[in-house]
Protein backbone atom coordinates (compact mmCIF):
# COMPACT_ATOMS: atom_id res chain seq x y z
CA MET A 1 103.51 103.22 154.92
CA LEU A 2 106.43 101.33 153.39
CA THR A 3 109.86 102.20 154.76
CA LEU A 4 113.27 101.44 153.25
CA THR A 5 116.36 100.12 154.95
CA GLU A 6 119.63 101.94 154.35
CA THR A 7 120.72 99.15 152.00
CA ALA A 8 117.46 99.30 150.02
CA THR A 9 117.79 103.07 149.74
CA THR A 10 121.30 102.74 148.30
CA VAL A 11 120.27 99.96 145.90
CA VAL A 12 117.21 101.85 144.64
CA LYS A 13 119.28 104.99 144.00
CA THR A 14 121.96 102.96 142.19
CA ILE A 15 119.43 101.15 139.98
CA VAL A 16 117.52 104.30 139.09
CA GLU A 17 120.71 106.26 138.32
CA GLN A 18 121.59 103.68 135.64
CA ASP A 19 118.50 104.75 133.66
CA PRO A 20 118.55 108.54 133.89
CA ASN A 21 115.28 109.28 132.02
CA THR A 22 114.37 112.27 134.11
CA GLU A 23 114.99 113.73 137.49
CA ALA A 24 111.61 112.27 138.54
CA SER A 25 112.65 108.64 137.86
CA GLY A 26 112.07 106.02 140.49
CA LEU A 27 111.45 102.36 141.20
CA ARG A 28 107.77 101.44 140.74
CA ILE A 29 106.26 98.51 142.61
CA ASN A 30 103.09 97.16 141.03
CA GLY A 31 100.65 94.65 142.47
CA GLU A 32 97.65 92.88 140.97
CA PRO A 33 94.53 92.48 143.11
CA GLY A 34 94.67 89.16 144.95
CA ALA A 35 98.02 88.16 143.43
CA PRO A 36 100.83 87.20 145.83
CA ASN A 37 103.65 88.61 143.70
CA LEU A 38 104.75 92.17 143.08
CA SER A 39 106.61 93.46 140.04
CA VAL A 40 109.33 96.10 140.09
CA ALA A 41 110.50 98.38 137.28
CA VAL A 42 112.41 101.63 136.83
CA VAL A 43 110.05 104.28 135.46
CA ALA A 44 110.43 107.89 134.39
CA GLU A 45 107.78 109.17 136.81
CA ALA A 46 104.99 108.13 139.13
CA GLU A 47 101.64 107.29 137.60
CA ALA A 48 98.39 108.93 138.68
CA GLY A 49 97.28 107.36 141.96
CA ASP A 50 100.74 106.11 142.95
CA SER A 51 101.99 106.67 146.48
CA VAL A 52 105.45 108.22 146.41
CA ILE A 53 108.04 107.33 149.02
CA GLU A 54 111.30 109.24 149.16
CA ALA A 55 114.18 108.22 151.39
CA ASP A 56 117.57 109.90 151.19
CA GLY A 57 117.16 110.62 147.46
CA ALA A 58 115.67 107.23 146.56
CA ARG A 59 112.17 107.33 145.07
CA VAL A 60 109.76 104.41 145.19
CA PHE A 61 106.36 104.60 143.53
CA LEU A 62 103.68 102.27 144.86
CA GLU A 63 100.74 101.36 142.67
CA GLU A 64 97.51 101.34 144.72
CA ASN A 65 97.38 97.55 145.28
CA ALA A 66 101.07 97.46 146.16
CA ALA A 67 100.61 100.35 148.61
CA ILE A 68 97.88 98.40 150.40
CA ALA A 69 99.93 95.19 150.47
CA LEU A 70 103.07 96.95 151.71
CA ASN A 71 101.50 99.16 154.35
CA ASP A 72 103.52 98.84 157.58
CA LYS A 73 106.30 96.87 155.83
CA THR A 74 109.99 97.53 155.22
CA LEU A 75 111.81 97.06 151.92
CA ASP A 76 115.27 95.55 152.26
CA ALA A 77 117.79 94.58 149.58
CA GLN A 78 120.82 92.38 149.17
CA VAL A 79 123.37 92.48 146.36
CA GLY A 80 125.04 89.18 145.50
CA GLU A 81 128.66 88.76 144.47
CA ASP A 82 127.47 88.54 140.86
CA GLY A 83 125.70 91.90 141.20
CA ALA A 84 122.20 90.42 141.28
CA VAL A 85 119.77 92.30 143.51
CA ASN A 86 117.25 90.57 145.73
CA PHE A 87 114.56 92.61 147.41
CA ALA A 88 112.82 91.41 150.55
CA ILE A 89 109.73 92.67 152.31
CA VAL A 90 109.74 92.35 156.08
CA ASP A 91 107.03 93.12 158.62
CA ASN A 92 107.62 96.10 160.87
CA ALA A 93 107.90 95.14 164.51
């Protein structure tokens, strides 16, 4: 299952808090079958079939293809001086 670094947890919470739709809001990671890229969006709630990961108040929803692709991975994040966020996926050791 996907894990989050402390930095990723903080970034996810900060991003989601900027769009306070509901208390069930989270960051949803979506993947297309066979596609190398993943998309990320803030959503009001998980969709049916999503895996839900909660870490220290941060919620990440994984669409089924994304959950398969990110199994045994860690989500990390970096925030640039301009405020831009870059997410990275790293293999667990």
